[in-house]
N, C-alpha and C. Protein backbone atom coordinates (compact mmCIF):
# COMPACT_ATOMS: atom_id res chain seq x y z
N MET A 1 -45.60 47.62 -83.13
CA MET A 1 -44.60 47.34 -84.13
C MET A 1 -45.29 46.73 -85.33
N SER A 2 -44.99 47.27 -86.51
CA SER A 2 -45.62 46.77 -87.73
C SER A 2 -44.99 45.44 -88.15
N TYR A 3 -45.67 44.77 -89.05
CA TYR A 3 -45.18 43.49 -89.55
C TYR A 3 -43.80 43.66 -90.19
N ASP A 4 -43.64 44.69 -91.03
CA ASP A 4 -42.35 44.92 -91.68
C ASP A 4 -41.25 45.20 -90.67
N GLN A 5 -41.56 45.90 -89.60
CA GLN A 5 -40.57 46.16 -88.56
C GLN A 5 -40.17 44.86 -87.85
N VAL A 6 -41.12 43.98 -87.65
CA VAL A 6 -40.81 42.69 -87.02
C VAL A 6 -39.90 41.87 -87.94
N VAL A 7 -40.18 41.89 -89.24
CA VAL A 7 -39.32 41.18 -90.21
C VAL A 7 -37.91 41.75 -90.16
N ARG A 8 -37.79 43.08 -90.26
CA ARG A 8 -36.46 43.72 -90.23
C ARG A 8 -35.75 43.45 -88.91
N SER A 9 -36.48 43.49 -87.82
CA SER A 9 -35.89 43.22 -86.50
C SER A 9 -35.43 41.77 -86.39
N GLY A 10 -36.22 40.86 -86.94
CA GLY A 10 -35.83 39.44 -86.94
C GLY A 10 -34.55 39.21 -87.71
N ILE A 11 -34.44 39.84 -88.87
CA ILE A 11 -33.22 39.73 -89.68
C ILE A 11 -32.05 40.35 -88.91
N GLY A 12 -32.27 41.51 -88.33
CA GLY A 12 -31.21 42.18 -87.59
C GLY A 12 -30.72 41.39 -86.39
N ILE A 13 -31.64 40.82 -85.65
CA ILE A 13 -31.24 40.08 -84.45
C ILE A 13 -30.50 38.80 -84.84
N ALA A 14 -30.92 38.16 -85.93
CA ALA A 14 -30.22 36.96 -86.40
C ALA A 14 -28.80 37.29 -86.85
N MET A 15 -28.63 38.42 -87.53
CA MET A 15 -27.30 38.81 -88.00
C MET A 15 -26.41 39.22 -86.81
N ALA A 16 -26.96 39.97 -85.88
CA ALA A 16 -26.19 40.37 -84.69
C ALA A 16 -25.79 39.13 -83.90
N HIS A 17 -26.71 38.20 -83.76
CA HIS A 17 -26.44 36.95 -83.04
C HIS A 17 -25.29 36.20 -83.70
N GLY A 18 -25.31 36.12 -85.03
CA GLY A 18 -24.23 35.44 -85.75
C GLY A 18 -22.87 36.06 -85.46
N ALA A 19 -22.83 37.39 -85.42
CA ALA A 19 -21.57 38.08 -85.12
C ALA A 19 -21.11 37.78 -83.69
N ILE A 20 -22.05 37.79 -82.76
CA ILE A 20 -21.70 37.52 -81.36
C ILE A 20 -21.25 36.08 -81.19
N VAL A 21 -21.87 35.15 -81.92
CA VAL A 21 -21.44 33.75 -81.88
C VAL A 21 -19.98 33.65 -82.32
N GLY A 22 -19.63 34.38 -83.36
CA GLY A 22 -18.24 34.37 -83.84
C GLY A 22 -17.28 34.89 -82.79
N ILE A 23 -17.63 36.00 -82.15
CA ILE A 23 -16.79 36.58 -81.10
C ILE A 23 -16.68 35.62 -79.91
N HIS A 24 -17.80 35.02 -79.54
CA HIS A 24 -17.80 34.09 -78.41
C HIS A 24 -16.96 32.85 -78.74
N GLY A 25 -17.08 32.37 -79.96
CA GLY A 25 -16.28 31.22 -80.38
C GLY A 25 -14.79 31.53 -80.34
N LEU A 26 -14.42 32.74 -80.74
CA LEU A 26 -13.02 33.15 -80.67
C LEU A 26 -12.53 33.17 -79.22
N SER A 27 -13.35 33.70 -78.32
CA SER A 27 -12.94 33.73 -76.91
C SER A 27 -12.84 32.31 -76.35
N HIS A 28 -13.72 31.41 -76.78
CA HIS A 28 -13.61 30.00 -76.39
C HIS A 28 -12.24 29.46 -76.79
N ALA A 29 -11.89 29.70 -78.04
CA ALA A 29 -10.62 29.17 -78.56
C ALA A 29 -9.43 29.77 -77.81
N ARG A 30 -9.46 31.07 -77.59
CA ARG A 30 -8.34 31.75 -76.92
C ARG A 30 -8.19 31.30 -75.46
N LEU A 31 -9.31 30.94 -74.83
CA LEU A 31 -9.27 30.48 -73.45
C LEU A 31 -9.04 28.97 -73.33
N GLY A 32 -9.05 28.29 -74.48
CA GLY A 32 -8.85 26.84 -74.46
C GLY A 32 -10.05 26.08 -73.91
N ILE A 33 -11.23 26.66 -74.06
CA ILE A 33 -12.45 26.01 -73.59
C ILE A 33 -13.03 25.20 -74.74
N GLY A 34 -12.87 23.91 -74.67
CA GLY A 34 -13.33 23.05 -75.74
C GLY A 34 -14.79 22.65 -75.57
N VAL A 35 -15.32 22.04 -76.61
CA VAL A 35 -16.69 21.50 -76.59
C VAL A 35 -16.62 20.07 -77.12
N THR A 36 -17.61 19.28 -76.75
CA THR A 36 -17.67 17.92 -77.27
C THR A 36 -18.09 17.94 -78.73
N GLN A 37 -17.96 16.83 -79.40
CA GLN A 37 -18.37 16.75 -80.81
C GLN A 37 -19.87 17.01 -80.94
N GLY A 38 -20.66 16.45 -80.02
CA GLY A 38 -22.11 16.68 -80.05
C GLY A 38 -22.46 18.14 -79.84
N GLN A 39 -21.76 18.79 -78.90
CA GLN A 39 -21.98 20.22 -78.68
C GLN A 39 -21.59 21.02 -79.91
N ALA A 40 -20.48 20.65 -80.55
CA ALA A 40 -20.02 21.36 -81.74
C ALA A 40 -21.06 21.29 -82.86
N ILE A 41 -21.66 20.13 -83.03
CA ILE A 41 -22.70 19.96 -84.06
C ILE A 41 -23.92 20.81 -83.71
N TYR A 42 -24.34 20.76 -82.46
CA TYR A 42 -25.49 21.56 -82.01
C TYR A 42 -25.21 23.05 -82.22
N ILE A 43 -24.02 23.50 -81.82
CA ILE A 43 -23.65 24.91 -81.97
C ILE A 43 -23.67 25.30 -83.44
N ALA A 44 -23.08 24.48 -84.29
CA ALA A 44 -23.02 24.80 -85.72
C ALA A 44 -24.41 24.88 -86.34
N VAL A 45 -25.24 23.87 -86.08
CA VAL A 45 -26.55 23.79 -86.75
C VAL A 45 -27.60 24.69 -86.11
N ILE A 46 -27.81 24.55 -84.82
CA ILE A 46 -28.91 25.25 -84.14
C ILE A 46 -28.55 26.69 -83.79
N ILE A 47 -27.34 26.90 -83.28
CA ILE A 47 -26.99 28.22 -82.77
C ILE A 47 -26.46 29.14 -83.87
N PHE A 48 -25.72 28.60 -84.85
CA PHE A 48 -25.14 29.47 -85.87
C PHE A 48 -25.93 29.45 -87.19
N ILE A 49 -26.11 28.29 -87.79
CA ILE A 49 -26.70 28.21 -89.14
C ILE A 49 -28.20 28.50 -89.13
N ALA A 50 -28.97 27.89 -88.23
CA ALA A 50 -30.43 28.02 -88.26
C ALA A 50 -30.91 29.48 -88.16
N PRO A 51 -30.36 30.31 -87.27
CA PRO A 51 -30.82 31.71 -87.26
C PRO A 51 -30.51 32.45 -88.57
N LEU A 52 -29.39 32.11 -89.22
CA LEU A 52 -29.07 32.75 -90.50
C LEU A 52 -30.02 32.27 -91.60
N VAL A 53 -30.38 30.99 -91.56
CA VAL A 53 -31.38 30.47 -92.50
C VAL A 53 -32.71 31.18 -92.27
N ALA A 54 -33.06 31.38 -91.01
CA ALA A 54 -34.30 32.10 -90.67
C ALA A 54 -34.26 33.50 -91.26
N ALA A 55 -33.14 34.21 -91.11
CA ALA A 55 -33.03 35.58 -91.61
C ALA A 55 -33.24 35.63 -93.12
N VAL A 56 -32.66 34.67 -93.83
CA VAL A 56 -32.82 34.62 -95.29
C VAL A 56 -34.27 34.29 -95.66
N SER A 57 -34.91 33.45 -94.86
CA SER A 57 -36.28 33.00 -95.14
C SER A 57 -37.36 34.03 -94.83
N LEU A 58 -37.06 34.99 -93.98
CA LEU A 58 -38.11 35.88 -93.49
C LEU A 58 -38.81 36.68 -94.59
N ARG A 59 -38.12 37.06 -95.61
CA ARG A 59 -38.73 37.85 -96.69
C ARG A 59 -39.60 37.00 -97.63
N ARG A 60 -39.23 35.74 -97.81
CA ARG A 60 -39.92 34.90 -98.80
C ARG A 60 -40.93 33.94 -98.20
N ALA A 61 -40.60 33.37 -97.08
CA ALA A 61 -41.46 32.38 -96.42
C ALA A 61 -41.52 32.74 -94.95
N ALA A 62 -42.28 33.78 -94.64
CA ALA A 62 -42.25 34.37 -93.31
C ALA A 62 -42.65 33.39 -92.21
N VAL A 63 -43.67 32.59 -92.43
CA VAL A 63 -44.10 31.66 -91.39
C VAL A 63 -42.96 30.71 -91.05
N ALA A 64 -42.36 30.12 -92.08
CA ALA A 64 -41.23 29.21 -91.84
C ALA A 64 -40.05 29.95 -91.23
N GLY A 65 -39.75 31.14 -91.74
CA GLY A 65 -38.63 31.92 -91.23
C GLY A 65 -38.79 32.26 -89.76
N PHE A 66 -39.97 32.72 -89.38
CA PHE A 66 -40.20 33.06 -87.98
C PHE A 66 -40.22 31.81 -87.09
N LEU A 67 -40.73 30.71 -87.61
CA LEU A 67 -40.72 29.47 -86.83
C LEU A 67 -39.28 29.00 -86.59
N ILE A 68 -38.45 29.05 -87.64
CA ILE A 68 -37.05 28.67 -87.49
C ILE A 68 -36.34 29.62 -86.54
N LEU A 69 -36.61 30.92 -86.66
CA LEU A 69 -35.99 31.90 -85.77
C LEU A 69 -36.36 31.61 -84.31
N MET A 70 -37.64 31.43 -84.07
CA MET A 70 -38.12 31.21 -82.70
C MET A 70 -37.50 29.93 -82.11
N LEU A 71 -37.57 28.83 -82.85
CA LEU A 71 -37.09 27.55 -82.32
C LEU A 71 -35.57 27.52 -82.16
N SER A 72 -34.85 28.07 -83.14
CA SER A 72 -33.39 28.05 -83.04
C SER A 72 -32.89 28.96 -81.93
N MET A 73 -33.49 30.13 -81.80
CA MET A 73 -33.07 31.05 -80.74
C MET A 73 -33.44 30.50 -79.36
N PHE A 74 -34.59 29.84 -79.26
CA PHE A 74 -34.96 29.24 -77.98
C PHE A 74 -34.00 28.10 -77.65
N GLY A 75 -33.68 27.27 -78.64
CA GLY A 75 -32.73 26.19 -78.42
C GLY A 75 -31.36 26.71 -78.03
N ALA A 76 -30.94 27.79 -78.66
CA ALA A 76 -29.66 28.42 -78.33
C ALA A 76 -29.69 29.00 -76.92
N LEU A 77 -30.80 29.62 -76.57
CA LEU A 77 -30.94 30.22 -75.24
C LEU A 77 -30.85 29.16 -74.14
N VAL A 78 -31.56 28.07 -74.31
CA VAL A 78 -31.53 27.00 -73.31
C VAL A 78 -30.11 26.42 -73.20
N PHE A 79 -29.48 26.18 -74.33
CA PHE A 79 -28.11 25.64 -74.35
C PHE A 79 -27.16 26.60 -73.65
N GLY A 80 -27.21 27.87 -74.02
CA GLY A 80 -26.31 28.87 -73.45
C GLY A 80 -26.54 29.09 -71.97
N LEU A 81 -27.79 29.20 -71.55
CA LEU A 81 -28.06 29.37 -70.12
C LEU A 81 -27.55 28.18 -69.32
N THR A 82 -27.75 27.00 -69.87
CA THR A 82 -27.32 25.78 -69.18
C THR A 82 -25.81 25.75 -69.01
N TYR A 83 -25.07 25.93 -70.10
CA TYR A 83 -23.62 25.79 -70.03
C TYR A 83 -22.90 27.03 -69.50
N HIS A 84 -23.44 28.22 -69.76
CA HIS A 84 -22.75 29.44 -69.34
C HIS A 84 -23.12 29.91 -67.94
N PHE A 85 -24.31 29.56 -67.46
CA PHE A 85 -24.77 30.13 -66.20
C PHE A 85 -25.21 29.12 -65.15
N ILE A 86 -25.50 27.87 -65.53
CA ILE A 86 -26.04 26.92 -64.57
C ILE A 86 -25.05 25.81 -64.22
N LEU A 87 -24.62 25.06 -65.22
CA LEU A 87 -23.72 23.93 -64.94
C LEU A 87 -22.31 24.41 -64.58
N PRO A 88 -21.69 23.77 -63.61
CA PRO A 88 -20.30 24.13 -63.31
C PRO A 88 -19.38 23.61 -64.42
N GLY A 89 -18.24 24.25 -64.56
CA GLY A 89 -17.27 23.80 -65.55
C GLY A 89 -16.57 24.96 -66.22
N PRO A 90 -15.69 24.66 -67.15
CA PRO A 90 -14.88 25.70 -67.78
C PRO A 90 -15.70 26.65 -68.65
N ASP A 91 -16.90 26.25 -69.06
CA ASP A 91 -17.77 27.07 -69.91
C ASP A 91 -18.68 27.98 -69.10
N ASN A 92 -18.61 27.90 -67.78
CA ASN A 92 -19.44 28.73 -66.91
C ASN A 92 -18.78 30.10 -66.73
N VAL A 93 -19.54 31.16 -66.98
CA VAL A 93 -18.98 32.52 -66.93
C VAL A 93 -18.48 32.89 -65.53
N PHE A 94 -19.00 32.27 -64.52
CA PHE A 94 -18.59 32.58 -63.15
C PHE A 94 -17.30 31.86 -62.74
N GLU A 95 -16.85 30.94 -63.58
CA GLU A 95 -15.63 30.18 -63.27
C GLU A 95 -14.44 30.59 -64.12
N VAL A 96 -14.62 31.52 -65.03
CA VAL A 96 -13.54 32.01 -65.88
C VAL A 96 -13.06 33.32 -65.26
N HIS A 97 -11.91 33.27 -64.59
CA HIS A 97 -11.43 34.45 -63.85
C HIS A 97 -10.03 34.85 -64.27
N HIS A 98 -9.79 36.13 -64.24
CA HIS A 98 -8.44 36.71 -64.31
C HIS A 98 -7.57 36.10 -65.40
N ARG A 99 -8.15 35.86 -66.54
CA ARG A 99 -7.38 35.35 -67.66
C ARG A 99 -7.65 36.26 -68.85
N ALA A 100 -6.65 36.36 -69.70
CA ALA A 100 -6.87 37.12 -70.93
C ALA A 100 -8.07 36.51 -71.65
N TRP A 101 -8.89 37.31 -72.24
CA TRP A 101 -10.08 36.93 -72.98
C TRP A 101 -11.27 36.57 -72.09
N ALA A 102 -11.10 36.52 -70.78
CA ALA A 102 -12.19 36.13 -69.88
C ALA A 102 -13.35 37.13 -69.96
N MET A 103 -13.04 38.43 -69.97
CA MET A 103 -14.11 39.43 -69.99
C MET A 103 -14.90 39.36 -71.30
N LEU A 104 -14.19 39.17 -72.41
CA LEU A 104 -14.89 39.04 -73.69
C LEU A 104 -15.77 37.79 -73.69
N PHE A 105 -15.28 36.71 -73.13
CA PHE A 105 -16.05 35.47 -73.01
C PHE A 105 -17.32 35.73 -72.20
N GLN A 106 -17.18 36.39 -71.06
CA GLN A 106 -18.32 36.64 -70.17
C GLN A 106 -19.34 37.57 -70.81
N PHE A 107 -18.87 38.67 -71.39
CA PHE A 107 -19.81 39.61 -72.01
C PHE A 107 -20.47 39.03 -73.24
N SER A 108 -19.71 38.28 -74.05
CA SER A 108 -20.34 37.69 -75.24
C SER A 108 -21.37 36.63 -74.84
N ALA A 109 -21.14 35.90 -73.76
CA ALA A 109 -22.14 34.94 -73.27
C ALA A 109 -23.41 35.67 -72.85
N LEU A 110 -23.25 36.80 -72.17
CA LEU A 110 -24.40 37.60 -71.76
C LEU A 110 -25.14 38.14 -72.98
N PHE A 111 -24.41 38.70 -73.95
CA PHE A 111 -25.05 39.25 -75.15
C PHE A 111 -25.70 38.16 -75.98
N LEU A 112 -25.13 36.97 -75.98
CA LEU A 112 -25.80 35.85 -76.65
C LEU A 112 -27.16 35.57 -76.01
N ALA A 113 -27.18 35.51 -74.69
CA ALA A 113 -28.45 35.24 -73.99
C ALA A 113 -29.47 36.33 -74.30
N LEU A 114 -29.04 37.57 -74.34
CA LEU A 114 -29.97 38.68 -74.63
C LEU A 114 -30.50 38.61 -76.05
N THR A 115 -29.61 38.36 -77.02
CA THR A 115 -30.08 38.28 -78.41
C THR A 115 -30.95 37.04 -78.62
N GLU A 116 -30.64 35.96 -77.92
CA GLU A 116 -31.45 34.74 -78.06
C GLU A 116 -32.84 34.92 -77.45
N ALA A 117 -32.92 35.61 -76.33
CA ALA A 117 -34.24 35.90 -75.74
C ALA A 117 -35.03 36.82 -76.67
N ALA A 118 -34.37 37.84 -77.19
CA ALA A 118 -35.05 38.76 -78.12
C ALA A 118 -35.45 38.03 -79.39
N GLY A 119 -34.58 37.18 -79.90
CA GLY A 119 -34.90 36.42 -81.11
C GLY A 119 -36.05 35.46 -80.92
N THR A 120 -36.12 34.84 -79.75
CA THR A 120 -37.24 33.96 -79.44
C THR A 120 -38.55 34.75 -79.43
N ALA A 121 -38.53 35.89 -78.76
CA ALA A 121 -39.73 36.74 -78.69
C ALA A 121 -40.12 37.28 -80.06
N LEU A 122 -39.15 37.76 -80.83
CA LEU A 122 -39.44 38.27 -82.18
C LEU A 122 -39.96 37.15 -83.07
N GLY A 123 -39.37 35.97 -82.94
CA GLY A 123 -39.84 34.84 -83.74
C GLY A 123 -41.28 34.49 -83.43
N ALA A 124 -41.62 34.46 -82.15
CA ALA A 124 -43.01 34.16 -81.76
C ALA A 124 -43.96 35.24 -82.23
N THR A 125 -43.58 36.49 -82.05
CA THR A 125 -44.42 37.62 -82.49
C THR A 125 -44.61 37.58 -84.00
N GLY A 126 -43.51 37.41 -84.72
CA GLY A 126 -43.59 37.35 -86.18
C GLY A 126 -44.39 36.17 -86.67
N LEU A 127 -44.26 35.04 -86.00
CA LEU A 127 -45.03 33.86 -86.39
C LEU A 127 -46.53 34.13 -86.26
N LEU A 128 -46.94 34.70 -85.13
CA LEU A 128 -48.36 35.03 -84.95
C LEU A 128 -48.84 36.04 -85.98
N LEU A 129 -48.04 37.07 -86.23
CA LEU A 129 -48.42 38.08 -87.23
C LEU A 129 -48.50 37.47 -88.62
N SER A 130 -47.56 36.59 -88.95
CA SER A 130 -47.55 35.94 -90.27
C SER A 130 -48.76 35.05 -90.47
N ILE A 131 -49.13 34.32 -89.43
CA ILE A 131 -50.30 33.45 -89.53
C ILE A 131 -51.56 34.29 -89.71
N ARG A 132 -51.68 35.36 -88.95
CA ARG A 132 -52.83 36.26 -89.10
C ARG A 132 -52.87 36.86 -90.50
N LYS A 133 -51.72 37.28 -91.00
CA LYS A 133 -51.63 37.89 -92.32
C LYS A 133 -52.02 36.90 -93.41
N SER A 134 -51.57 35.65 -93.28
CA SER A 134 -51.89 34.64 -94.29
C SER A 134 -53.36 34.25 -94.26
N ARG A 135 -53.99 34.34 -93.10
CA ARG A 135 -55.43 34.01 -93.00
C ARG A 135 -56.29 35.09 -93.65
N ARG A 136 -55.79 36.33 -93.63
CA ARG A 136 -56.53 37.44 -94.26
C ARG A 136 -56.43 37.41 -95.77
N ALA A 137 -55.36 36.81 -96.28
CA ALA A 137 -55.11 36.82 -97.73
C ALA A 137 -56.01 35.86 -98.47
């Protein structure tokens, strides 16, 4: 994969992730699954805003953009895996059954984990490529 493809893929994964976050947030609201104030701040800053900032940064400041992408997506992945798949509670995909919006909640949680894993990997790959590219310049 070329450097430009990694940049485009990083932007694409950040944008797709943002859309899935919106869908997942809607399913949270429809199911009445609340979050604490601390979780809400983390979700807003790390899971939603930071990947979008990374996407905007990738064209102009690639090292910073890829670093933000990698760290935010990794932070989102750990948060999502913990609350959606490990800890018991209303936010666990295995405990949301037979309710309207449950399937959307479950699938969006899965797609979040997939985009976050891909974003972490793309961020790391892009960061290494950016550092190599800057050393050659």
